[in-house]
Amino acid sequence: MPPNESKVDKYMNSLKRVMAIFIFLLPLSAVEASQTKLYEMPRTQVLPIKNTETGGQYELYIKLPEDYAENDDIKYPVIYFTDAEWHIDLLSGATEYLMSKAILVGISWQKNMNEDLLEDVGAHLSRFRDYSIVKSNKPERQTKYQYGQASSHLKFIRNDVIKTVEKTYRIDPKSRTYFG
């Protein structure tokens, strides 16, 4: 203990160090907690959907315009997008100011994937398969990730996602956009 440092000073310095470590680690615990928490955003619904061709389970993150509930006679433009978890905040903020009358439809990654691979790679595991157009020339990687199935995923978007959204919500089928 330095000559001028009292026990109280020493205690306060230790407490400050512990608090600094706590404050530093707090965001990490929030990230961990958010991985198990259901998605929440005002005027946003999460709709489970099945890929009828492959059996894959996905979710649609659907954000409705502020006046959707009051205007039964309006058909809204729709913006479909992939990587829903990564893009919904950005697109929601942008459309709030630029296209406040648009419905956002985010397509999640496949939910019912191999648990061991999900743990190794992360929730976005199905991106390797769903967004790639070419199979891997490495048999081991191809078996593991099943690259080159973008055309199948596009069929899912056309045949399942768009049809479900058009049956469930008041959208203008002539005014749809895809972001992804």
N, C-alpha and C. Protein backbone atom coordinates (compact mmCIF):
# COMPACT_ATOMS: atom_id res chain seq x y z
N MET A 1 0.85 -1.17 0.00
CA MET A 1 0.00 0.00 0.00
C MET A 1 0.90 1.23 0.00
N PRO A 2 0.68 2.19 -0.96
CA PRO A 2 1.48 3.41 -0.97
C PRO A 2 1.34 4.14 0.36
N PRO A 3 2.34 4.94 0.72
CA PRO A 3 2.33 5.58 2.04
C PRO A 3 1.12 6.47 2.29
N ASN A 4 0.56 7.14 1.29
CA ASN A 4 -0.53 8.07 1.50
C ASN A 4 -1.91 7.44 1.24
N GLU A 5 -1.96 6.16 0.91
CA GLU A 5 -3.23 5.52 0.56
C GLU A 5 -3.81 4.83 1.79
N SER A 6 -5.01 5.23 2.19
CA SER A 6 -5.67 4.63 3.34
C SER A 6 -6.42 3.37 2.91
N LYS A 7 -6.93 2.64 3.88
CA LYS A 7 -7.70 1.44 3.58
C LYS A 7 -8.97 1.80 2.80
N VAL A 8 -9.55 2.93 3.12
CA VAL A 8 -10.76 3.38 2.40
C VAL A 8 -10.41 3.68 0.94
N ASP A 9 -9.28 4.37 0.72
CA ASP A 9 -8.84 4.66 -0.65
C ASP A 9 -8.59 3.36 -1.42
N LYS A 10 -7.94 2.44 -0.75
CA LYS A 10 -7.64 1.15 -1.40
C LYS A 10 -8.94 0.43 -1.77
N TYR A 11 -9.91 0.45 -0.84
CA TYR A 11 -11.21 -0.18 -1.10
C TYR A 11 -11.91 0.51 -2.27
N MET A 12 -11.89 1.83 -2.29
CA MET A 12 -12.56 2.59 -3.37
C MET A 12 -11.90 2.31 -4.72
N ASN A 13 -10.58 2.22 -4.75
CA ASN A 13 -9.89 1.91 -6.00
C ASN A 13 -10.25 0.51 -6.49
N SER A 14 -10.33 -0.45 -5.57
CA SER A 14 -10.73 -1.81 -5.94
C SER A 14 -12.16 -1.82 -6.46
N LEU A 15 -13.03 -1.09 -5.80
CA LEU A 15 -14.42 -1.01 -6.22
C LEU A 15 -14.53 -0.40 -7.62
N LYS A 16 -13.74 0.63 -7.88
CA LYS A 16 -13.74 1.26 -9.21
C LYS A 16 -13.31 0.27 -10.28
N ARG A 17 -12.30 -0.55 -9.98
CA ARG A 17 -11.83 -1.55 -10.94
C ARG A 17 -12.92 -2.59 -11.22
N VAL A 18 -13.58 -3.03 -10.17
CA VAL A 18 -14.66 -4.02 -10.34
C VAL A 18 -15.80 -3.41 -11.16
N MET A 19 -16.15 -2.18 -10.88
CA MET A 19 -17.22 -1.51 -11.64
C MET A 19 -16.83 -1.33 -13.10
N ALA A 20 -15.58 -0.98 -13.35
CA ALA A 20 -15.12 -0.82 -14.73
C ALA A 20 -15.22 -2.15 -15.48
N ILE A 21 -14.83 -3.24 -14.84
CA ILE A 21 -14.94 -4.56 -15.47
C ILE A 21 -16.40 -4.90 -15.71
N PHE A 22 -17.26 -4.62 -14.74
CA PHE A 22 -18.69 -4.88 -14.88
C PHE A 22 -19.27 -4.11 -16.06
N ILE A 23 -18.95 -2.83 -16.15
CA ILE A 23 -19.46 -2.00 -17.24
C ILE A 23 -18.95 -2.50 -18.58
N PHE A 24 -17.71 -2.94 -18.62
CA PHE A 24 -17.13 -3.47 -19.85
C PHE A 24 -17.83 -4.76 -20.29
N LEU A 25 -18.18 -5.62 -19.34
CA LEU A 25 -18.79 -6.91 -19.67
C LEU A 25 -20.30 -6.84 -19.86
N LEU A 26 -20.95 -5.78 -19.42
CA LEU A 26 -22.39 -5.65 -19.53
C LEU A 26 -22.91 -5.81 -20.96
N PRO A 27 -22.32 -5.14 -21.96
CA PRO A 27 -22.81 -5.34 -23.33
C PRO A 27 -22.70 -6.79 -23.79
N LEU A 28 -21.70 -7.51 -23.34
CA LEU A 28 -21.56 -8.91 -23.74
C LEU A 28 -22.70 -9.75 -23.19
N SER A 29 -23.13 -9.47 -21.97
CA SER A 29 -24.25 -10.22 -21.42
C SER A 29 -25.54 -9.86 -22.14
N ALA A 30 -25.67 -8.63 -22.60
CA ALA A 30 -26.86 -8.23 -23.36
C ALA A 30 -26.91 -8.96 -24.69
N VAL A 31 -25.77 -9.15 -25.33
CA VAL A 31 -25.72 -9.90 -26.59
C VAL A 31 -26.15 -11.33 -26.34
N GLU A 32 -25.65 -11.95 -25.29
CA GLU A 32 -26.01 -13.33 -24.97
C GLU A 32 -27.51 -13.43 -24.69
N ALA A 33 -28.06 -12.49 -23.93
CA ALA A 33 -29.48 -12.52 -23.61
C ALA A 33 -30.32 -12.32 -24.86
N SER A 34 -29.86 -11.47 -25.79
CA SER A 34 -30.63 -11.21 -27.00
C SER A 34 -30.70 -12.42 -27.91
N GLN A 35 -29.78 -13.35 -27.79
CA GLN A 35 -29.79 -14.53 -28.63
C GLN A 35 -30.92 -15.48 -28.26
N THR A 36 -31.43 -15.40 -27.06
CA THR A 36 -32.51 -16.28 -26.64
C THR A 36 -33.84 -15.55 -26.55
N LYS A 37 -33.86 -14.25 -26.73
CA LYS A 37 -35.07 -13.46 -26.61
C LYS A 37 -35.81 -13.42 -27.95
N LEU A 38 -37.14 -13.42 -27.91
CA LEU A 38 -37.92 -13.29 -29.12
C LEU A 38 -37.74 -11.90 -29.70
N TYR A 39 -37.89 -11.78 -31.00
CA TYR A 39 -37.71 -10.49 -31.65
C TYR A 39 -38.89 -9.58 -31.34
N GLU A 40 -38.60 -8.33 -31.03
CA GLU A 40 -39.64 -7.36 -30.75
C GLU A 40 -39.30 -6.04 -31.42
N MET A 41 -40.30 -5.47 -32.09
CA MET A 41 -40.20 -4.14 -32.68
C MET A 41 -41.65 -3.66 -32.84
N PRO A 42 -41.93 -2.39 -32.58
CA PRO A 42 -43.30 -1.91 -32.73
C PRO A 42 -43.87 -2.21 -34.13
N ARG A 43 -45.14 -2.61 -34.16
CA ARG A 43 -45.88 -2.93 -35.39
C ARG A 43 -45.24 -4.06 -36.19
N THR A 44 -44.49 -4.93 -35.54
CA THR A 44 -43.83 -6.03 -36.23
C THR A 44 -44.37 -7.35 -35.70
N GLN A 45 -44.68 -8.23 -36.65
CA GLN A 45 -45.17 -9.56 -36.32
C GLN A 45 -44.17 -10.59 -36.81
N VAL A 46 -44.05 -11.69 -36.09
CA VAL A 46 -43.21 -12.79 -36.52
C VAL A 46 -44.13 -13.93 -36.91
N LEU A 47 -44.05 -14.34 -38.16
CA LEU A 47 -44.94 -15.36 -38.72
C LEU A 47 -44.11 -16.58 -39.13
N PRO A 48 -44.34 -17.74 -38.49
CA PRO A 48 -43.61 -18.94 -38.91
C PRO A 48 -44.07 -19.37 -40.30
N ILE A 49 -43.15 -19.89 -41.10
CA ILE A 49 -43.49 -20.34 -42.44
C ILE A 49 -42.62 -21.54 -42.79
N LYS A 50 -43.19 -22.47 -43.54
CA LYS A 50 -42.48 -23.68 -43.93
C LYS A 50 -42.20 -23.65 -45.43
N ASN A 51 -41.00 -24.04 -45.78
CA ASN A 51 -40.63 -24.21 -47.19
C ASN A 51 -41.27 -25.52 -47.62
N THR A 52 -42.30 -25.44 -48.46
CA THR A 52 -43.05 -26.63 -48.82
C THR A 52 -42.23 -27.62 -49.65
N GLU A 53 -41.17 -27.15 -50.28
CA GLU A 53 -40.33 -28.04 -51.09
C GLU A 53 -39.32 -28.81 -50.24
N THR A 54 -38.71 -28.13 -49.25
CA THR A 54 -37.63 -28.76 -48.47
C THR A 54 -38.02 -29.12 -47.03
N GLY A 55 -39.12 -28.55 -46.54
CA GLY A 55 -39.51 -28.77 -45.14
C GLY A 55 -38.82 -27.84 -44.17
N GLY A 56 -37.98 -26.94 -44.65
CA GLY A 56 -37.28 -25.99 -43.79
C GLY A 56 -38.25 -25.04 -43.10
N GLN A 57 -37.99 -24.78 -41.82
CA GLN A 57 -38.80 -23.85 -41.04
C GLN A 57 -38.11 -22.49 -40.99
N TYR A 58 -38.83 -21.45 -41.36
CA TYR A 58 -38.32 -20.10 -41.37
C TYR A 58 -39.28 -19.21 -40.59
N GLU A 59 -38.95 -17.95 -40.46
CA GLU A 59 -39.84 -16.95 -39.89
C GLU A 59 -39.85 -15.74 -40.79
N LEU A 60 -41.02 -15.11 -40.88
CA LEU A 60 -41.14 -13.84 -41.60
C LEU A 60 -41.29 -12.75 -40.55
N TYR A 61 -40.47 -11.72 -40.65
CA TYR A 61 -40.57 -10.56 -39.78
C TYR A 61 -41.33 -9.51 -40.59
N ILE A 62 -42.56 -9.24 -40.19
CA ILE A 62 -43.42 -8.37 -40.98
C ILE A 62 -43.68 -7.09 -40.20
N LYS A 63 -43.22 -5.98 -40.76
CA LYS A 63 -43.42 -4.67 -40.14
C LYS A 63 -44.45 -3.91 -40.95
N LEU A 64 -45.53 -3.55 -40.29
CA LEU A 64 -46.64 -2.88 -40.95
C LEU A 64 -46.51 -1.36 -40.80
N PRO A 65 -47.03 -0.62 -41.78
CA PRO A 65 -47.03 0.85 -41.66
C PRO A 65 -47.88 1.30 -40.47
N GLU A 66 -47.61 2.47 -40.01
CA GLU A 66 -48.29 3.00 -38.83
C GLU A 66 -49.81 3.05 -39.01
N ASP A 67 -50.28 3.36 -40.21
CA ASP A 67 -51.72 3.51 -40.44
C ASP A 67 -52.39 2.24 -40.97
N TYR A 68 -51.70 1.11 -40.96
CA TYR A 68 -52.23 -0.12 -41.55
C TYR A 68 -53.58 -0.51 -40.94
N ALA A 69 -53.71 -0.47 -39.64
CA ALA A 69 -54.94 -0.90 -38.97
C ALA A 69 -56.13 0.01 -39.25
N GLU A 70 -55.87 1.28 -39.54
CA GLU A 70 -56.97 2.24 -39.75
C GLU A 70 -57.45 2.30 -41.19
N ASN A 71 -56.68 1.83 -42.14
CA ASN A 71 -57.01 2.00 -43.56
C ASN A 71 -57.25 0.65 -44.23
N ASP A 72 -58.47 0.15 -44.10
CA ASP A 72 -58.80 -1.16 -44.67
C ASP A 72 -58.85 -1.16 -46.19
N ASP A 73 -58.95 0.00 -46.80
CA ASP A 73 -59.10 0.06 -48.26
C ASP A 73 -57.78 0.29 -49.01
N ILE A 74 -56.69 0.46 -48.30
CA ILE A 74 -55.40 0.73 -48.94
C ILE A 74 -54.63 -0.57 -49.13
N LYS A 75 -54.06 -0.72 -50.33
CA LYS A 75 -53.12 -1.82 -50.60
C LYS A 75 -51.73 -1.20 -50.58
N TYR A 76 -50.81 -1.84 -49.88
CA TYR A 76 -49.49 -1.26 -49.61
C TYR A 76 -48.41 -1.91 -50.46
N PRO A 77 -47.40 -1.12 -50.85
CA PRO A 77 -46.22 -1.73 -51.48
C PRO A 77 -45.48 -2.58 -50.45
N VAL A 78 -44.74 -3.57 -50.92
CA VAL A 78 -44.05 -4.47 -50.00
C VAL A 78 -42.58 -4.60 -50.41
N ILE A 79 -41.73 -4.64 -49.41
CA ILE A 79 -40.29 -4.85 -49.61
C ILE A 79 -39.93 -6.17 -48.94
N TYR A 80 -39.54 -7.15 -49.75
CA TYR A 80 -39.07 -8.44 -49.23
C TYR A 80 -37.56 -8.36 -49.07
N PHE A 81 -37.05 -8.97 -48.02
CA PHE A 81 -35.60 -8.96 -47.84
C PHE A 81 -35.14 -10.19 -47.07
N THR A 82 -33.93 -10.60 -47.34
CA THR A 82 -33.33 -11.75 -46.65
C THR A 82 -32.51 -11.26 -45.46
N ASP A 83 -31.97 -12.21 -44.72
CA ASP A 83 -31.19 -11.88 -43.52
C ASP A 83 -31.98 -10.95 -42.61
N ALA A 84 -33.22 -11.34 -42.34
CA ALA A 84 -34.14 -10.48 -41.59
C ALA A 84 -33.53 -9.92 -40.31
N GLU A 85 -32.83 -10.78 -39.58
CA GLU A 85 -32.27 -10.35 -38.29
C GLU A 85 -31.25 -9.23 -38.47
N TRP A 86 -30.54 -9.24 -39.59
CA TRP A 86 -29.50 -8.23 -39.83
C TRP A 86 -30.04 -6.95 -40.47
N HIS A 87 -31.11 -7.05 -41.23
CA HIS A 87 -31.54 -5.90 -42.03
C HIS A 87 -32.80 -5.17 -41.54
N ILE A 88 -33.60 -5.79 -40.68
CA ILE A 88 -34.88 -5.17 -40.35
C ILE A 88 -34.72 -3.81 -39.67
N ASP A 89 -33.76 -3.66 -38.78
CA ASP A 89 -33.59 -2.36 -38.11
C ASP A 89 -33.23 -1.27 -39.12
N LEU A 90 -32.28 -1.58 -39.99
CA LEU A 90 -31.86 -0.60 -41.01
C LEU A 90 -33.01 -0.24 -41.94
N LEU A 91 -33.69 -1.24 -42.48
CA LEU A 91 -34.78 -0.96 -43.41
C LEU A 91 -35.96 -0.30 -42.72
N SER A 92 -36.22 -0.66 -41.48
CA SER A 92 -37.30 -0.03 -40.75
C SER A 92 -37.03 1.47 -40.57
N GLY A 93 -35.80 1.79 -40.20
CA GLY A 93 -35.44 3.21 -40.05
C GLY A 93 -35.53 3.96 -41.36
N ALA A 94 -35.06 3.35 -42.43
CA ALA A 94 -35.07 4.02 -43.74
C ALA A 94 -36.50 4.21 -44.24
N THR A 95 -37.34 3.18 -44.12
CA THR A 95 -38.70 3.32 -44.64
C THR A 95 -39.54 4.25 -43.79
N GLU A 96 -39.20 4.40 -42.53
CA GLU A 96 -39.95 5.33 -41.67
C GLU A 96 -39.94 6.73 -42.26
N TYR A 97 -38.84 7.09 -42.90
CA TYR A 97 -38.71 8.44 -43.47
C TYR A 97 -38.90 8.48 -44.98
N LEU A 98 -38.53 7.42 -45.68
CA LEU A 98 -38.57 7.45 -47.14
C LEU A 98 -39.80 6.79 -47.74
N MET A 99 -40.27 5.73 -47.13
CA MET A 99 -41.42 4.98 -47.65
C MET A 99 -42.29 4.53 -46.48
N SER A 100 -42.88 5.47 -45.80
CA SER A 100 -43.62 5.15 -44.57
C SER A 100 -44.85 4.29 -44.83
N LYS A 101 -45.26 4.14 -46.07
CA LYS A 101 -46.45 3.34 -46.40
C LYS A 101 -46.11 1.93 -46.86
N ALA A 102 -44.86 1.50 -46.74
CA ALA A 102 -44.46 0.17 -47.22
C ALA A 102 -44.54 -0.86 -46.10
N ILE A 103 -44.87 -2.08 -46.49
CA ILE A 103 -44.81 -3.23 -45.58
C ILE A 103 -43.45 -3.88 -45.78
N LEU A 104 -42.75 -4.16 -44.70
CA LEU A 104 -41.47 -4.86 -44.76
C LEU A 104 -41.70 -6.33 -44.44
N VAL A 105 -41.10 -7.21 -45.24
CA VAL A 105 -41.19 -8.65 -45.00
C VAL A 105 -39.78 -9.23 -45.01
N GLY A 106 -39.26 -9.50 -43.84
CA GLY A 106 -37.93 -10.07 -43.71
C GLY A 106 -38.00 -11.58 -43.59
N ILE A 107 -37.15 -12.28 -44.32
CA ILE A 107 -37.11 -13.73 -44.30
C ILE A 107 -35.92 -14.16 -43.45
N SER A 108 -36.20 -14.93 -42.41
CA SER A 108 -35.14 -15.37 -41.50
C SER A 108 -34.31 -16.46 -42.15
N TRP A 109 -33.29 -16.88 -41.42
CA TRP A 109 -32.54 -18.06 -41.81
C TRP A 109 -33.33 -19.28 -41.36
N GLN A 110 -33.04 -20.43 -41.93
CA GLN A 110 -33.76 -21.64 -41.56
C GLN A 110 -33.54 -21.94 -40.08
N LYS A 111 -34.62 -22.28 -39.41
CA LYS A 111 -34.58 -22.53 -37.97
C LYS A 111 -34.26 -23.98 -37.62
N ASN A 112 -34.75 -24.93 -38.38
CA ASN A 112 -34.57 -26.35 -38.04
C ASN A 112 -33.36 -26.94 -38.78
N MET A 113 -32.19 -26.50 -38.34
CA MET A 113 -30.93 -26.97 -38.92
C MET A 113 -30.23 -27.88 -37.92
N ASN A 114 -29.18 -28.53 -38.38
CA ASN A 114 -28.36 -29.39 -37.54
C ASN A 114 -27.82 -28.59 -36.35
N GLU A 115 -28.15 -29.02 -35.14
CA GLU A 115 -27.78 -28.27 -33.92
C GLU A 115 -26.27 -28.10 -33.77
N ASP A 116 -25.49 -29.14 -34.09
CA ASP A 116 -24.03 -29.04 -33.96
C ASP A 116 -23.47 -27.99 -34.91
N LEU A 117 -23.97 -27.98 -36.16
CA LEU A 117 -23.50 -26.98 -37.12
C LEU A 117 -23.95 -25.58 -36.72
N LEU A 118 -25.18 -25.46 -36.22
CA LEU A 118 -25.66 -24.15 -35.75
C LEU A 118 -24.75 -23.62 -34.65
N GLU A 119 -24.35 -24.49 -33.76
CA GLU A 119 -23.48 -24.07 -32.66
C GLU A 119 -22.12 -23.63 -33.19
N ASP A 120 -21.59 -24.36 -34.18
CA ASP A 120 -20.28 -24.03 -34.75
C ASP A 120 -20.32 -22.77 -35.60
N VAL A 121 -21.32 -22.64 -36.45
CA VAL A 121 -21.36 -21.58 -37.46
C VAL A 121 -22.19 -20.39 -37.00
N GLY A 122 -23.34 -20.65 -36.42
CA GLY A 122 -24.25 -19.59 -36.00
C GLY A 122 -25.60 -19.73 -36.67
N ALA A 123 -26.52 -18.86 -36.27
CA ALA A 123 -27.90 -18.93 -36.76
C ALA A 123 -28.01 -18.73 -38.26
N HIS A 124 -27.01 -18.12 -38.87
CA HIS A 124 -27.04 -17.84 -40.31
C HIS A 124 -26.54 -19.02 -41.16
N LEU A 125 -26.44 -20.19 -40.60
CA LEU A 125 -25.92 -21.37 -41.28
C LEU A 125 -26.58 -21.61 -42.65
N SER A 126 -27.88 -21.45 -42.74
CA SER A 126 -28.58 -21.75 -43.99
C SER A 126 -28.23 -20.79 -45.13
N ARG A 127 -27.60 -19.66 -44.82
CA ARG A 127 -27.16 -18.73 -45.88
C ARG A 127 -26.25 -19.42 -46.88
N PHE A 128 -25.36 -20.28 -46.40
CA PHE A 128 -24.41 -20.95 -47.30
C PHE A 128 -25.15 -21.70 -48.39
N ARG A 129 -26.19 -22.38 -48.02
CA ARG A 129 -26.98 -23.17 -48.95
C ARG A 129 -27.95 -22.29 -49.76
N ASP A 130 -28.70 -21.45 -49.06
CA ASP A 130 -29.79 -20.70 -49.68
C ASP A 130 -29.36 -19.58 -50.60
N TYR A 131 -28.18 -19.00 -50.38
CA TYR A 131 -27.79 -17.83 -51.16
C TYR A 131 -26.70 -18.11 -52.18
N SER A 132 -26.21 -19.33 -52.25
CA SER A 132 -25.14 -19.63 -53.20
C SER A 132 -25.70 -20.32 -54.45
N ILE A 133 -25.11 -19.98 -55.59
CA ILE A 133 -25.62 -20.55 -56.85
C ILE A 133 -24.76 -21.69 -57.37
N VAL A 134 -23.57 -21.83 -56.82
CA VAL A 134 -22.62 -22.84 -57.30
C VAL A 134 -22.28 -23.79 -56.15
N LYS A 135 -22.24 -25.07 -56.48
CA LYS A 135 -21.82 -26.06 -55.48
C LYS A 135 -20.32 -25.95 -55.25
N SER A 136 -19.88 -26.34 -54.07
CA SER A 136 -18.46 -26.33 -53.75
C SER A 136 -17.76 -27.47 -54.48
N ASN A 137 -16.53 -27.21 -54.92
CA ASN A 137 -15.75 -28.27 -55.56
C ASN A 137 -15.01 -29.13 -54.54
N LYS A 138 -15.23 -28.84 -53.27
CA LYS A 138 -14.63 -29.63 -52.18
C LYS A 138 -15.74 -30.49 -51.58
N PRO A 139 -15.72 -31.80 -51.84
CA PRO A 139 -16.81 -32.67 -51.40
C PRO A 139 -17.15 -32.57 -49.91
N GLU A 140 -16.13 -32.44 -49.08
CA GLU A 140 -16.37 -32.35 -47.63
C GLU A 140 -17.17 -31.09 -47.29
N ARG A 141 -16.81 -29.96 -47.89
CA ARG A 141 -17.53 -28.70 -47.64
C ARG A 141 -18.94 -28.76 -48.23
N GLN A 142 -19.06 -29.36 -49.41
CA GLN A 142 -20.37 -29.46 -50.05
C GLN A 142 -21.33 -30.29 -49.20
N THR A 143 -20.84 -31.40 -48.68
CA THR A 143 -21.67 -32.24 -47.82
C THR A 143 -22.10 -31.49 -46.57
N LYS A 144 -21.18 -30.75 -45.99
CA LYS A 144 -21.45 -30.03 -44.75
C LYS A 144 -22.42 -28.86 -44.95
N TYR A 145 -22.19 -28.05 -45.97
CA TYR A 145 -22.96 -26.81 -46.13
C TYR A 145 -24.00 -26.84 -47.25
N GLN A 146 -23.93 -27.79 -48.15
CA GLN A 146 -24.89 -27.94 -49.26
C GLN A 146 -25.02 -26.68 -50.11
N TYR A 147 -23.88 -26.15 -50.53
CA TYR A 147 -23.85 -24.95 -51.37
C TYR A 147 -24.66 -25.14 -52.66
N GLY A 148 -25.03 -24.03 -53.29
CA GLY A 148 -25.60 -24.05 -54.62
C GLY A 148 -27.09 -24.27 -54.70
N GLN A 149 -27.84 -23.89 -53.68
CA GLN A 149 -29.28 -24.15 -53.69
C GLN A 149 -30.11 -22.86 -53.73
N ALA A 150 -29.52 -21.81 -54.29
CA ALA A 150 -30.24 -20.52 -54.36
C ALA A 150 -31.52 -20.63 -55.18
N SER A 151 -31.53 -21.43 -56.23
CA SER A 151 -32.74 -21.55 -57.05
C SER A 151 -33.89 -22.17 -56.24
N SER A 152 -33.57 -23.11 -55.37
CA SER A 152 -34.59 -23.70 -54.50
C SER A 152 -35.11 -22.66 -53.51
N HIS A 153 -34.21 -21.84 -52.98
CA HIS A 153 -34.62 -20.79 -52.04
C HIS A 153 -35.48 -19.74 -52.75
N LEU A 154 -35.15 -19.44 -53.98
CA LEU A 154 -35.96 -18.50 -54.76
C LEU A 154 -37.37 -19.05 -54.97
N LYS A 155 -37.48 -20.35 -55.22
CA LYS A 155 -38.81 -20.98 -55.34
C LYS A 155 -39.59 -20.84 -54.04
N PHE A 156 -38.90 -21.01 -52.92
CA PHE A 156 -39.54 -20.83 -51.61
C PHE A 156 -40.07 -19.41 -51.47
N ILE A 157 -39.28 -18.44 -51.87
CA ILE A 157 -39.73 -17.04 -51.78
C ILE A 157 -40.94 -16.82 -52.68
N ARG A 158 -40.86 -17.31 -53.91
CA ARG A 158 -41.98 -17.12 -54.87
C ARG A 158 -43.23 -17.89 -54.48
N ASN A 159 -43.06 -19.17 -54.14
CA ASN A 159 -44.21 -20.04 -53.94
C ASN A 159 -44.79 -20.03 -52.53
N ASP A 160 -43.98 -19.77 -51.55
CA ASP A 160 -44.45 -19.81 -50.17
C ASP A 160 -44.53 -18.42 -49.54
N VAL A 161 -43.42 -17.69 -49.56
CA VAL A 161 -43.38 -16.40 -48.87
C VAL A 161 -44.34 -15.40 -49.52
N ILE A 162 -44.17 -15.14 -50.80
CA ILE A 162 -45.00 -14.11 -51.46
C ILE A 162 -46.48 -14.49 -51.42
N LYS A 163 -46.79 -15.75 -51.68
CA LYS A 163 -48.20 -16.17 -51.66
C LYS A 163 -48.81 -16.04 -50.27
N THR A 164 -48.05 -16.40 -49.24
CA THR A 164 -48.54 -16.26 -47.87
C THR A 164 -48.79 -14.80 -47.52
N VAL A 165 -47.84 -13.95 -47.87
CA VAL A 165 -47.97 -12.52 -47.55
C VAL A 165 -49.16 -11.93 -48.31
N GLU A 166 -49.32 -12.29 -49.57
CA GLU A 166 -50.43 -11.73 -50.36
C GLU A 166 -51.79 -12.21 -49.86
N LYS A 167 -51.85 -13.41 -49.28
CA LYS A 167 -53.12 -13.91 -48.72
C LYS A 167 -53.41 -13.29 -47.36
N THR A 168 -52.37 -12.92 -46.62
CA THR A 168 -52.53 -12.51 -45.23
C THR A 168 -52.63 -10.99 -45.05
N TYR A 169 -51.96 -10.23 -45.90
CA TYR A 169 -51.88 -8.77 -45.74
C TYR A 169 -52.39 -8.07 -46.99
N ARG A 170 -52.78 -6.80 -46.80
CA ARG A 170 -53.26 -5.99 -47.92
C ARG A 170 -52.06 -5.36 -48.63
N ILE A 171 -51.55 -6.07 -49.60
CA ILE A 171 -50.40 -5.55 -50.34
C ILE A 171 -50.79 -5.36 -51.79
N ASP A 172 -50.05 -4.49 -52.45
CA ASP A 172 -50.21 -4.26 -53.88
C ASP A 172 -49.24 -5.19 -54.60
N PRO A 173 -49.71 -6.27 -55.23
CA PRO A 173 -48.81 -7.23 -55.87
C PRO A 173 -48.02 -6.64 -57.03
N LYS A 174 -48.45 -5.49 -57.52
CA LYS A 174 -47.71 -4.84 -58.62
C LYS A 174 -46.61 -3.91 -58.09
N SER A 175 -46.54 -3.80 -56.78
CA SER A 175 -45.56 -2.90 -56.17
C SER A 175 -44.77 -3.66 -55.11
N ARG A 176 -43.92 -4.58 -55.59
CA ARG A 176 -43.08 -5.33 -54.66
C ARG A 176 -41.63 -5.18 -55.06
N THR A 177 -40.79 -5.19 -54.03
CA THR A 177 -39.35 -5.01 -54.21
C THR A 177 -38.64 -6.09 -53.42
N TYR A 178 -37.45 -6.47 -53.88
CA TYR A 178 -36.63 -7.45 -53.16
C TYR A 178 -35.30 -6.82 -52.83
N PHE A 179 -34.88 -6.97 -51.57
CA PHE A 179 -33.60 -6.47 -51.09
C PHE A 179 -32.86 -7.63 -50.47
N GLY A 180 -31.68 -7.92 -50.96
CA GLY A 180 -30.94 -9.00 -50.34
C GLY A 180 -29.77 -9.45 -51.18
